[in-house]
Amino acid sequence: MGPVNGGRNRPERRFPLTVRVRSNLIQEFTMADLAFVVTVLAGFALVALVAKGATKL
Protein backbone atom coordinates (compact mmCIF):
# COMPACT_ATOMS: atom_id res chain seq x y z
CA MET A 1 0.00 0.00 0.00
CA GLY A 2 1.36 3.42 -0.97
CA PRO A 3 0.85 6.79 0.62
CA VAL A 4 -2.41 8.64 0.06
CA ASN A 5 -2.36 10.99 -2.96
CA GLY A 6 1.06 9.70 -3.96
CA GLY A 7 2.66 11.23 -0.89
CA ARG A 8 1.83 14.78 -1.87
CA ASN A 9 0.87 17.03 0.99
CA ARG A 10 -1.31 19.71 -0.58
CA PRO A 11 -2.70 22.43 1.66
CA GLU A 12 -6.43 22.91 1.43
CA ARG A 13 -7.02 25.95 -0.78
CA ARG A 14 -10.79 26.16 -0.58
CA PHE A 15 -11.03 27.76 2.85
CA PRO A 16 -9.15 31.01 2.05
CA LEU A 17 -11.07 31.30 -1.22
CA THR A 18 -14.35 30.78 0.64
CA VAL A 19 -13.39 33.43 3.18
CA ARG A 20 -12.42 35.80 0.40
CA VAL A 21 -15.71 35.25 -1.42
CA ARG A 22 -17.71 35.75 1.76
CA SER A 23 -15.87 38.98 2.62
CA ASN A 24 -16.59 40.28 -0.90
CA LEU A 25 -20.26 39.39 -0.50
CA ILE A 26 -20.38 41.08 2.90
CA GLN A 27 -18.78 44.18 1.38
CA GLU A 28 -21.34 44.17 -1.46
CA PHE A 29 -24.24 43.88 0.98
CA THR A 30 -22.77 46.65 3.13
CA MET A 31 -22.51 48.94 0.11
CA ALA A 32 -26.08 48.07 -0.89
CA ASP A 33 -27.27 48.86 2.64
CA LEU A 34 -25.40 52.16 2.59
CA ALA A 35 -26.92 53.08 -0.78
CA PHE A 36 -30.38 52.20 0.53
CA VAL A 37 -29.95 54.38 3.64
CA VAL A 38 -28.66 57.32 1.59
CA THR A 39 -31.59 56.97 -0.85
CA VAL A 40 -34.15 56.83 1.97
CA LEU A 41 -32.64 59.88 3.67
CA ALA A 42 -32.65 61.79 0.38
CA GLY A 43 -36.30 60.83 -0.10
CA PHE A 44 -37.22 62.07 3.36
CA ALA A 45 -35.33 65.31 2.74
CA LEU A 46 -37.20 65.80 -0.54
CA VAL A 47 -40.56 65.18 1.14
CA ALA A 48 -39.64 67.63 3.90
CA LEU A 49 -38.72 70.31 1.36
CA VAL A 50 -41.96 69.79 -0.56
CA ALA A 51 -43.97 69.94 2.65
CA LYS A 52 -42.18 73.11 3.73
CA GLY A 53 -42.89 74.70 0.34
CA ALA A 54 -46.52 73.61 0.45
CA THR A 55 -47.06 75.30 3.82
CA LYS A 56 -45.86 78.61 2.37
CA LEU A 57 -48.56 78.60 -0.35
PDB file of N, CA and C in Angstrom:
ATOM      1  N   MET A   1       0.838  -1.188   0.000  1.00  0.00           N
ATOM      2  CA  MET A   1       0.000   0.000   0.000  1.00  0.00           C
ATOM      3  C   MET A   1       0.881   1.249   0.000  1.00  0.00           C
ATOM      4  N   GLY A   2       0.573   2.190  -0.894  1.00  0.00           N
ATOM      5  CA  GLY A   2       1.360   3.415  -0.972  1.00  0.00           C
ATOM      6  C   GLY A   2       0.715   4.536  -0.184  1.00  0.00           C
ATOM      7  N   PRO A   3       1.408   5.646  -0.100  1.00  0.00           N
ATOM      8  CA  PRO A   3       0.851   6.793   0.623  1.00  0.00           C
ATOM      9  C   PRO A   3      -0.361   7.367  -0.116  1.00  0.00           C
ATOM     10  N   VAL A   4      -1.219   8.024   0.633  1.00  0.00           N
ATOM     11  CA  VAL A   4      -2.413   8.638   0.065  1.00  0.00           C
ATOM     12  C   VAL A   4      -1.993   9.803  -0.823  1.00  0.00           C
ATOM     13  N   ASN A   5      -2.629   9.932  -1.985  1.00  0.00           N
ATOM     14  CA  ASN A   5      -2.355  10.992  -2.961  1.00  0.00           C
ATOM     15  C   ASN A   5      -0.906  10.970  -3.430  1.00  0.00           C
ATOM     16  N   GLY A   6      -0.308   9.802  -3.469  1.00  0.00           N
ATOM     17  CA  GLY A   6       1.061   9.699  -3.964  1.00  0.00           C
ATOM     18  C   GLY A   6       2.059  10.392  -3.061  1.00  0.00           C
ATOM     19  N   GLY A   7       1.738  10.606  -1.826  1.00  0.00           N
ATOM     20  CA  GLY A   7       2.663  11.232  -0.890  1.00  0.00           C
ATOM     21  C   GLY A   7       2.690  12.742  -0.956  1.00  0.00           C
ATOM     22  N   ARG A   8       1.849  13.313  -1.778  1.00  0.00           N
ATOM     23  CA  ARG A   8       1.830  14.782  -1.875  1.00  0.00           C
ATOM     24  C   ARG A   8       1.033  15.363  -0.716  1.00  0.00           C
ATOM     25  N   ASN A   9       1.568  16.357  -0.114  1.00  0.00           N
ATOM     26  CA  ASN A   9       0.874  17.028   0.990  1.00  0.00           C
ATOM     27  C   ASN A   9       0.425  18.392   0.482  1.00  0.00           C
ATOM     28  N   ARG A  10      -0.792  18.448  -0.034  1.00  0.00           N
ATOM     29  CA  ARG A  10      -1.310  19.707  -0.580  1.00  0.00           C
ATOM     30  C   ARG A  10      -2.127  20.419   0.469  1.00  0.00           C
ATOM     31  N   PRO A  11      -1.842  21.687   0.715  1.00  0.00           N
ATOM     32  CA  PRO A  11      -2.701  22.430   1.657  1.00  0.00           C
ATOM     33  C   PRO A  11      -4.077  22.645   1.053  1.00  0.00           C
ATOM     34  N   GLU A  12      -5.056  22.683   1.884  1.00  0.00           N
ATOM     35  CA  GLU A  12      -6.430  22.913   1.432  1.00  0.00           C
ATOM     36  C   GLU A  12      -6.556  24.358   0.991  1.00  0.00           C
ATOM     37  N   ARG A  13      -6.945  24.584  -0.252  1.00  0.00           N
ATOM     38  CA  ARG A  13      -7.019  25.947  -0.782  1.00  0.00           C
ATOM     39  C   ARG A  13      -8.426  26.493  -0.785  1.00  0.00           C
ATOM     40  N   ARG A  14      -9.404  25.687  -0.504  1.00  0.00           N
ATOM     41  CA  ARG A  14     -10.786  26.155  -0.575  1.00  0.00           C
ATOM     42  C   ARG A  14     -11.121  27.131   0.528  1.00  0.00           C
ATOM     43  N   PHE A  15     -10.619  26.920   1.719  1.00  0.00           N
ATOM     44  CA  PHE A  15     -11.026  27.763   2.848  1.00  0.00           C
ATOM     45  C   PHE A  15     -10.673  29.234   2.643  1.00  0.00           C
ATOM     46  N   PRO A  16      -9.417  29.576   2.275  1.00  0.00           N
ATOM     47  CA  PRO A  16      -9.145  31.009   2.053  1.00  0.00           C
ATOM     48  C   PRO A  16      -9.988  31.594   0.928  1.00  0.00           C
ATOM     49  N   LEU A  17     -10.235  30.803  -0.133  1.00  0.00           N
ATOM     50  CA  LEU A  17     -11.071  31.298  -1.222  1.00  0.00           C
ATOM     51  C   LEU A  17     -12.489  31.550  -0.729  1.00  0.00           C
ATOM     52  N   THR A  18     -13.001  30.626   0.088  1.00  0.00           N
ATOM     53  CA  THR A  18     -14.348  30.784   0.638  1.00  0.00           C
ATOM     54  C   THR A  18     -14.421  32.031   1.505  1.00  0.00           C
ATOM     55  N   VAL A  19     -13.407  32.244   2.326  1.00  0.00           N
ATOM     56  CA  VAL A  19     -13.390  33.430   3.182  1.00  0.00           C
ATOM     57  C   VAL A  19     -13.334  34.681   2.330  1.00  0.00           C
ATOM     58  N   ARG A  20     -12.536  34.643   1.271  1.00  0.00           N
ATOM     59  CA  ARG A  20     -12.417  35.801   0.397  1.00  0.00           C
ATOM     60  C   ARG A  20     -13.749  36.097  -0.282  1.00  0.00           C
ATOM     61  N   VAL A  21     -14.421  35.064  -0.767  1.00  0.00           N
ATOM     62  CA  VAL A  21     -15.714  35.252  -1.424  1.00  0.00           C
ATOM     63  C   VAL A  21     -16.725  35.803  -0.432  1.00  0.00           C
ATOM     64  N   ARG A  22     -16.753  35.271   0.768  1.00  0.00           N
ATOM     65  CA  ARG A  22     -17.711  35.749   1.763  1.00  0.00           C
ATOM     66  C   ARG A  22     -17.431  37.190   2.142  1.00  0.00           C
ATOM     67  N   SER A  23     -16.156  37.587   2.254  1.00  0.00           N
ATOM     68  CA  SER A  23     -15.874  38.976   2.615  1.00  0.00           C
ATOM     69  C   SER A  23     -16.288  39.909   1.481  1.00  0.00           C
ATOM     70  N   ASN A  24     -16.131  39.456   0.232  1.00  0.00           N
ATOM     71  CA  ASN A  24     -16.589  40.281  -0.896  1.00  0.00           C
ATOM     72  C   ASN A  24     -18.102  40.411  -0.883  1.00  0.00           C
ATOM     73  N   LEU A  25     -18.806  39.326  -0.566  1.00  0.00           N
ATOM     74  CA  LEU A  25     -20.263  39.390  -0.497  1.00  0.00           C
ATOM     75  C   LEU A  25     -20.708  40.302   0.634  1.00  0.00           C
ATOM     76  N   ILE A  26     -20.037  40.209   1.770  1.00  0.00           N
ATOM     77  CA  ILE A  26     -20.377  41.079   2.903  1.00  0.00           C
ATOM     78  C   ILE A  26     -20.156  42.533   2.522  1.00  0.00           C
ATOM     79  N   GLN A  27     -19.054  42.803   1.801  1.00  0.00           N
ATOM     80  CA  GLN A  27     -18.782  44.177   1.379  1.00  0.00           C
ATOM     81  C   GLN A  27     -19.851  44.650   0.399  1.00  0.00           C
ATOM     82  N   GLU A  28     -20.288  43.779  -0.510  1.00  0.00           N
ATOM     83  CA  GLU A  28     -21.340  44.169  -1.457  1.00  0.00           C
ATOM     84  C   GLU A  28     -22.635  44.486  -0.726  1.00  0.00           C
ATOM     85  N   PHE A  29     -23.006  43.632   0.238  1.00  0.00           N
ATOM     86  CA  PHE A  29     -24.239  43.875   0.979  1.00  0.00           C
ATOM     87  C   PHE A  29     -24.126  45.148   1.808  1.00  0.00           C
ATOM     88  N   THR A  30     -22.960  45.428   2.353  1.00  0.00           N
ATOM     89  CA  THR A  30     -22.768  46.649   3.130  1.00  0.00           C
ATOM     90  C   THR A  30     -22.929  47.869   2.234  1.00  0.00           C
ATOM     91  N   MET A  31     -22.366  47.824   1.033  1.00  0.00           N
ATOM     92  CA  MET A  31     -22.506  48.944   0.107  1.00  0.00           C
ATOM     93  C   MET A  31     -23.965  49.106  -0.330  1.00  0.00           C
ATOM     94  N   ALA A  32     -24.667  47.995  -0.517  1.00  0.00           N
ATOM     95  CA  ALA A  32     -26.080  48.075  -0.889  1.00  0.00           C
ATOM     96  C   ALA A  32     -26.888  48.682   0.252  1.00  0.00           C
ATOM     97  N   ASP A  33     -26.578  48.288   1.485  1.00  0.00           N
ATOM     98  CA  ASP A  33     -27.271  48.862   2.640  1.00  0.00           C
ATOM     99  C   ASP A  33     -26.996  50.354   2.745  1.00  0.00           C
ATOM    100  N   LEU A  34     -25.758  50.746   2.521  1.00  0.00           N
ATOM    101  CA  LEU A  34     -25.401  52.164   2.589  1.00  0.00           C
ATOM    102  C   LEU A  34     -26.134  52.952   1.506  1.00  0.00           C
ATOM    103  N   ALA A  35     -26.200  52.412   0.303  1.00  0.00           N
ATOM    104  CA  ALA A  35     -26.918  53.083  -0.781  1.00  0.00           C
ATOM    105  C   ALA A  35     -28.404  53.198  -0.455  1.00  0.00           C
ATOM    106  N   PHE A  36     -28.967  52.165   0.151  1.00  0.00           N
ATOM    107  CA  PHE A  36     -30.381  52.205   0.531  1.00  0.00           C
ATOM    108  C   PHE A  36     -30.634  53.287   1.576  1.00  0.00           C
ATOM    109  N   VAL A  37     -29.777  53.370   2.585  1.00  0.00           N
ATOM    110  CA  VAL A  37     -29.948  54.376   3.639  1.00  0.00           C
ATOM    111  C   VAL A  37     -29.823  55.778   3.061  1.00  0.00           C
ATOM    112  N   VAL A  38     -28.844  55.991   2.196  1.00  0.00           N
ATOM    113  CA  VAL A  38     -28.665  57.318   1.586  1.00  0.00           C
ATOM    114  C   VAL A  38     -29.881  57.677   0.736  1.00  0.00           C
ATOM    115  N   THR A  39     -30.417  56.714  -0.008  1.00  0.00           N
ATOM    116  CA  THR A  39     -31.592  56.970  -0.846  1.00  0.00           C
ATOM    117  C   THR A  39     -32.813  57.306   0.002  1.00  0.00           C
ATOM    118  N   VAL A  40     -33.002  56.562   1.090  1.00  0.00           N
ATOM    119  CA  VAL A  40     -34.150  56.828   1.969  1.00  0.00           C
ATOM    120  C   VAL A  40     -34.025  58.205   2.615  1.00  0.00           C
ATOM    121  N   LEU A  41     -32.838  58.547   3.064  1.00  0.00           N
ATOM    122  CA  LEU A  41     -32.638  59.878   3.672  1.00  0.00           C
ATOM    123  C   LEU A  41     -32.868  60.990   2.651  1.00  0.00           C
ATOM    124  N   ALA A  42     -32.412  60.786   1.421  1.00  0.00           N
ATOM    125  CA  ALA A  42     -32.649  61.789   0.376  1.00  0.00           C
ATOM    126  C   ALA A  42     -34.143  61.910   0.085  1.00  0.00           C
ATOM    127  N   GLY A  43     -34.852  60.796   0.107  1.00  0.00           N
ATOM    128  CA  GLY A  43     -36.303  60.833  -0.101  1.00  0.00           C
ATOM    129  C   GLY A  43     -37.011  61.596   0.996  1.00  0.00           C
ATOM    130  N   PHE A  44     -36.618  61.335   2.243  1.00  0.00           N
ATOM    131  CA  PHE A  44     -37.220  62.070   3.362  1.00  0.00           C
ATOM    132  C   PHE A  44     -36.914  63.566   3.271  1.00  0.00           C
ATOM    133  N   ALA A  45     -35.695  63.902   2.881  1.00  0.00           N
ATOM    134  CA  ALA A  45     -35.333  65.315   2.741  1.00  0.00           C
ATOM    135  C   ALA A  45     -36.170  65.972   1.643  1.00  0.00           C
ATOM    136  N   LEU A  46     -36.381  65.258   0.548  1.00  0.00           N
ATOM    137  CA  LEU A  46     -37.199  65.801  -0.536  1.00  0.00           C
ATOM    138  C   LEU A  46     -38.641  66.006  -0.086  1.00  0.00           C
ATOM    139  N   VAL A  47     -39.194  65.041   0.628  1.00  0.00           N
ATOM    140  CA  VAL A  47     -40.560  65.178   1.144  1.00  0.00           C
ATOM    141  C   VAL A  47     -40.655  66.347   2.107  1.00  0.00           C
ATOM    142  N   ALA A  48     -39.639  66.515   2.955  1.00  0.00           N
ATOM    143  CA  ALA A  48     -39.644  67.630   3.900  1.00  0.00           C
ATOM    144  C   ALA A  48     -39.597  68.968   3.174  1.00  0.00           C
ATOM    145  N   LEU A  49     -38.790  69.057   2.114  1.00  0.00           N
ATOM    146  CA  LEU A  49     -38.724  70.309   1.356  1.00  0.00           C
ATOM    147  C   LEU A  49     -40.042  70.600   0.655  1.00  0.00           C
ATOM    148  N   VAL A  50     -40.673  69.590   0.104  1.00  0.00           N
ATOM    149  CA  VAL A  50     -41.957  69.790  -0.558  1.00  0.00           C
ATOM    150  C   VAL A  50     -43.009  70.214   0.462  1.00  0.00           C
ATOM    151  N   ALA A  51     -43.013  69.582   1.629  1.00  0.00           N
ATOM    152  CA  ALA A  51     -43.975  69.943   2.652  1.00  0.00           C
ATOM    153  C   ALA A  51     -43.753  71.365   3.147  1.00  0.00           C
ATOM    154  N   LYS A  52     -42.482  71.742   3.285  1.00  0.00           N
ATOM    155  CA  LYS A  52     -42.176  73.105   3.727  1.00  0.00           C
ATOM    156  C   LYS A  52     -42.637  74.125   2.682  1.00  0.00           C
ATOM    157  N   GLY A  53     -42.440  73.801   1.395  1.00  0.00           N
ATOM    158  CA  GLY A  53     -42.892  74.697   0.338  1.00  0.00           C
ATOM    159  C   GLY A  53     -44.404  74.742   0.241  1.00  0.00           C
ATOM    160  N   ALA A  54     -45.067  73.646   0.527  1.00  0.00           N
ATOM    161  CA  ALA A  54     -46.520  73.609   0.455  1.00  0.00           C
ATOM    162  C   ALA A  54     -47.160  74.440   1.571  1.00  0.00           C
ATOM    163  N   THR A  55     -46.493  74.514   2.720  1.00  0.00           N
ATOM    164  CA  THR A  55     -47.062  75.297   3.815  1.00  0.00           C
ATOM    165  C   THR A  55     -46.943  76.794   3.543  1.00  0.00           C
ATOM    166  N   LYS A  56     -46.022  77.192   2.683  1.00  0.00           N
ATOM    167  CA  LYS A  56     -45.857  78.608   2.367  1.00  0.00           C
ATOM    168  C   LYS A  56     -46.888  79.091   1.354  1.00  0.00           C
ATOM    169  N   LEU A  57     -47.577  78.192   0.681  1.00  0.00           N
ATOM    170  CA  LEU A  57     -48.563  78.605  -0.345  1.00  0.00           C
ATOM    171  C   LEU A  57     -49.776  79.244   0.246  1.00  0.00           C
TER     172      LEU A  57
END
